[in-house]
Amino acid sequence: MRTILSRNGDLVPQLLWLSLGRDDDEAEEALYLINPGLALYGPVLPAGVEIKLPILPELVPTMTVNIWD
């Protein structure tokens, strides 16, 4: 498990995307589970919050079908 420090103005989805390459509901839920109290900061994090990053499996890309081809 990796730990990062927030910068002033960071958002949880932004941190997830930059750190893990995903910002879906599963990733956000896992982040809040291993970081109790993180939600108390609100949507915009202050600088210096220590955040543990979850270890998650990579997302499998979904296949898109274009019915117009």
N, C-alpha and C. Protein backbone atom coordinates (compact mmCIF):
# COMPACT_ATOMS: atom_id res chain seq x y z
N MET A 1 0.84 -1.16 0.00
CA MET A 1 0.00 0.00 0.00
C MET A 1 0.89 1.24 0.00
N ARG A 2 0.56 2.16 -0.87
CA ARG A 2 1.32 3.41 -1.01
C ARG A 2 0.61 4.53 -0.26
N THR A 3 1.36 5.48 0.24
CA THR A 3 0.80 6.63 0.94
C THR A 3 1.24 7.90 0.23
N ILE A 4 0.30 8.84 0.07
CA ILE A 4 0.61 10.12 -0.56
C ILE A 4 0.15 11.24 0.36
N LEU A 5 0.63 12.44 0.12
CA LEU A 5 0.19 13.64 0.83
C LEU A 5 -0.58 14.52 -0.14
N SER A 6 -1.71 15.05 0.33
CA SER A 6 -2.51 15.92 -0.53
C SER A 6 -1.85 17.29 -0.63
N ARG A 7 -2.18 17.96 -1.71
CA ARG A 7 -1.80 19.37 -1.88
C ARG A 7 -3.07 20.19 -1.68
N ASN A 8 -2.93 21.43 -1.36
CA ASN A 8 -4.09 22.28 -1.14
C ASN A 8 -4.96 22.32 -2.40
N GLY A 9 -6.24 21.97 -2.24
CA GLY A 9 -7.18 22.00 -3.36
C GLY A 9 -7.36 20.68 -4.07
N ASP A 10 -6.66 19.64 -3.66
CA ASP A 10 -6.82 18.33 -4.29
C ASP A 10 -8.23 17.80 -4.06
N LEU A 11 -8.71 17.04 -5.03
CA LEU A 11 -10.00 16.36 -4.95
C LEU A 11 -9.74 14.86 -4.95
N VAL A 12 -10.59 14.10 -4.25
CA VAL A 12 -10.40 12.64 -4.17
C VAL A 12 -10.40 12.00 -5.56
N PRO A 13 -11.38 12.29 -6.44
CA PRO A 13 -11.34 11.66 -7.76
C PRO A 13 -10.06 12.01 -8.54
N GLN A 14 -9.60 13.23 -8.38
CA GLN A 14 -8.37 13.67 -9.05
C GLN A 14 -7.18 12.86 -8.54
N LEU A 15 -7.08 12.69 -7.22
CA LEU A 15 -5.97 11.91 -6.65
C LEU A 15 -6.02 10.46 -7.11
N LEU A 16 -7.23 9.89 -7.14
CA LEU A 16 -7.37 8.51 -7.59
C LEU A 16 -6.93 8.36 -9.04
N TRP A 17 -7.35 9.29 -9.89
CA TRP A 17 -7.01 9.20 -11.30
C TRP A 17 -5.50 9.35 -11.52
N LEU A 18 -4.91 10.31 -10.84
CA LEU A 18 -3.47 10.54 -11.02
C LEU A 18 -2.63 9.42 -10.42
N SER A 19 -3.10 8.82 -9.33
CA SER A 19 -2.32 7.79 -8.64
C SER A 19 -2.59 6.38 -9.14
N LEU A 20 -3.85 6.09 -9.47
CA LEU A 20 -4.23 4.73 -9.83
C LEU A 20 -4.74 4.57 -11.26
N GLY A 21 -4.97 5.68 -11.93
CA GLY A 21 -5.48 5.61 -13.29
C GLY A 21 -6.95 5.25 -13.36
N ARG A 22 -7.66 5.43 -12.26
CA ARG A 22 -9.10 5.18 -12.24
C ARG A 22 -9.74 6.00 -11.13
N ASP A 23 -10.98 6.40 -11.36
CA ASP A 23 -11.69 7.19 -10.36
C ASP A 23 -13.15 6.76 -10.25
N ASP A 24 -13.38 5.47 -10.43
CA ASP A 24 -14.73 4.93 -10.38
C ASP A 24 -15.20 4.77 -8.93
N ASP A 25 -16.46 4.38 -8.77
CA ASP A 25 -17.05 4.24 -7.43
C ASP A 25 -16.33 3.21 -6.58
N GLU A 26 -15.91 2.10 -7.17
CA GLU A 26 -15.22 1.05 -6.43
C GLU A 26 -13.90 1.59 -5.84
N ALA A 27 -13.17 2.35 -6.63
CA ALA A 27 -11.90 2.91 -6.17
C ALA A 27 -12.13 3.93 -5.06
N GLU A 28 -13.14 4.77 -5.23
CA GLU A 28 -13.43 5.79 -4.22
C GLU A 28 -13.89 5.14 -2.90
N GLU A 29 -14.72 4.14 -2.99
CA GLU A 29 -15.19 3.44 -1.79
C GLU A 29 -14.02 2.78 -1.06
N ALA A 30 -13.13 2.13 -1.80
CA ALA A 30 -11.96 1.49 -1.19
C ALA A 30 -11.06 2.52 -0.52
N LEU A 31 -10.90 3.67 -1.14
CA LEU A 31 -10.07 4.73 -0.56
C LEU A 31 -10.64 5.20 0.77
N TYR A 32 -11.94 5.45 0.81
CA TYR A 32 -12.55 5.92 2.05
C TYR A 32 -12.55 4.83 3.13
N LEU A 33 -12.63 3.56 2.73
CA LEU A 33 -12.60 2.48 3.72
C LEU A 33 -11.26 2.39 4.45
N ILE A 34 -10.17 2.62 3.73
CA ILE A 34 -8.86 2.50 4.38
C ILE A 34 -8.36 3.83 4.93
N ASN A 35 -9.15 4.90 4.74
CA ASN A 35 -8.79 6.21 5.27
C ASN A 35 -9.97 6.78 6.06
N PRO A 36 -10.25 6.19 7.24
CA PRO A 36 -11.37 6.70 8.02
C PRO A 36 -11.13 8.18 8.39
N GLY A 37 -12.18 8.96 8.28
CA GLY A 37 -12.07 10.38 8.60
C GLY A 37 -11.75 11.26 7.40
N LEU A 38 -11.39 10.68 6.28
CA LEU A 38 -11.04 11.47 5.10
C LEU A 38 -12.23 12.27 4.61
N ALA A 39 -13.42 11.71 4.70
CA ALA A 39 -14.63 12.41 4.24
C ALA A 39 -14.93 13.66 5.05
N LEU A 40 -14.39 13.73 6.26
CA LEU A 40 -14.64 14.89 7.11
C LEU A 40 -14.01 16.17 6.55
N TYR A 41 -13.02 16.02 5.66
CA TYR A 41 -12.38 17.18 5.05
C TYR A 41 -13.27 17.83 3.99
N GLY A 42 -14.28 17.12 3.52
CA GLY A 42 -15.14 17.65 2.47
C GLY A 42 -14.57 17.36 1.09
N PRO A 43 -15.18 17.98 0.06
CA PRO A 43 -14.77 17.67 -1.31
C PRO A 43 -13.39 18.18 -1.70
N VAL A 44 -12.94 19.27 -1.09
CA VAL A 44 -11.64 19.85 -1.42
C VAL A 44 -10.71 19.64 -0.23
N LEU A 45 -9.61 18.92 -0.48
CA LEU A 45 -8.69 18.57 0.61
C LEU A 45 -7.68 19.68 0.87
N PRO A 46 -7.32 19.87 2.14
CA PRO A 46 -6.23 20.80 2.44
C PRO A 46 -4.88 20.14 2.17
N ALA A 47 -3.84 20.91 2.23
CA ALA A 47 -2.49 20.37 2.03
C ALA A 47 -2.07 19.53 3.23
N GLY A 48 -1.31 18.46 2.95
CA GLY A 48 -0.69 17.68 4.00
C GLY A 48 -1.49 16.55 4.59
N VAL A 49 -2.63 16.21 3.98
CA VAL A 49 -3.42 15.08 4.47
C VAL A 49 -2.76 13.80 3.97
N GLU A 50 -2.42 12.90 4.89
CA GLU A 50 -1.81 11.62 4.52
C GLU A 50 -2.91 10.67 4.06
N ILE A 51 -2.77 10.16 2.85
CA ILE A 51 -3.80 9.31 2.25
C ILE A 51 -3.17 7.99 1.81
N LYS A 52 -3.73 6.90 2.32
CA LYS A 52 -3.29 5.56 1.89
C LYS A 52 -4.07 5.20 0.64
N LEU A 53 -3.34 4.73 -0.37
CA LEU A 53 -3.98 4.33 -1.62
C LEU A 53 -4.30 2.85 -1.60
N PRO A 54 -5.51 2.47 -2.01
CA PRO A 54 -5.87 1.05 -2.03
C PRO A 54 -5.16 0.33 -3.18
N ILE A 55 -5.01 -0.96 -3.01
CA ILE A 55 -4.50 -1.81 -4.09
C ILE A 55 -5.72 -2.42 -4.76
N LEU A 56 -5.93 -2.07 -6.01
CA LEU A 56 -7.12 -2.50 -6.74
C LEU A 56 -6.73 -3.21 -8.03
N PRO A 57 -7.57 -4.14 -8.48
CA PRO A 57 -7.30 -4.77 -9.78
C PRO A 57 -7.56 -3.76 -10.89
N GLU A 58 -6.89 -3.97 -12.00
CA GLU A 58 -7.11 -3.09 -13.15
C GLU A 58 -8.51 -3.32 -13.70
N LEU A 59 -9.11 -2.26 -14.20
CA LEU A 59 -10.42 -2.39 -14.81
C LEU A 59 -10.29 -3.03 -16.18
N VAL A 60 -11.22 -3.90 -16.49
CA VAL A 60 -11.26 -4.51 -17.81
C VAL A 60 -12.07 -3.59 -18.71
N PRO A 61 -11.49 -3.15 -19.82
CA PRO A 61 -12.24 -2.25 -20.70
C PRO A 61 -13.49 -2.93 -21.23
N THR A 62 -14.56 -2.16 -21.28
CA THR A 62 -15.80 -2.70 -21.83
C THR A 62 -15.80 -2.49 -23.33
N MET A 63 -16.46 -3.40 -24.00
CA MET A 63 -16.53 -3.33 -25.46
C MET A 63 -17.71 -2.45 -25.86
N THR A 64 -17.45 -1.52 -26.74
CA THR A 64 -18.50 -0.64 -27.25
C THR A 64 -18.90 -1.11 -28.64
N VAL A 65 -20.17 -1.26 -28.85
CA VAL A 65 -20.68 -1.68 -30.14
C VAL A 65 -21.37 -0.51 -30.78
N ASN A 66 -20.96 -0.19 -31.99
CA ASN A 66 -21.58 0.88 -32.75
C ASN A 66 -22.59 0.26 -33.69
N ILE A 67 -23.86 0.54 -33.47
CA ILE A 67 -24.89 -0.10 -34.30
C ILE A 67 -25.00 0.53 -35.69
N TRP A 68 -24.26 1.62 -35.94
CA TRP A 68 -24.35 2.30 -37.21
C TRP A 68 -23.31 1.82 -38.21
N ASP A 69 -22.44 0.91 -37.83
CA ASP A 69 -21.43 0.41 -38.78
C ASP A 69 -22.01 -0.64 -39.69
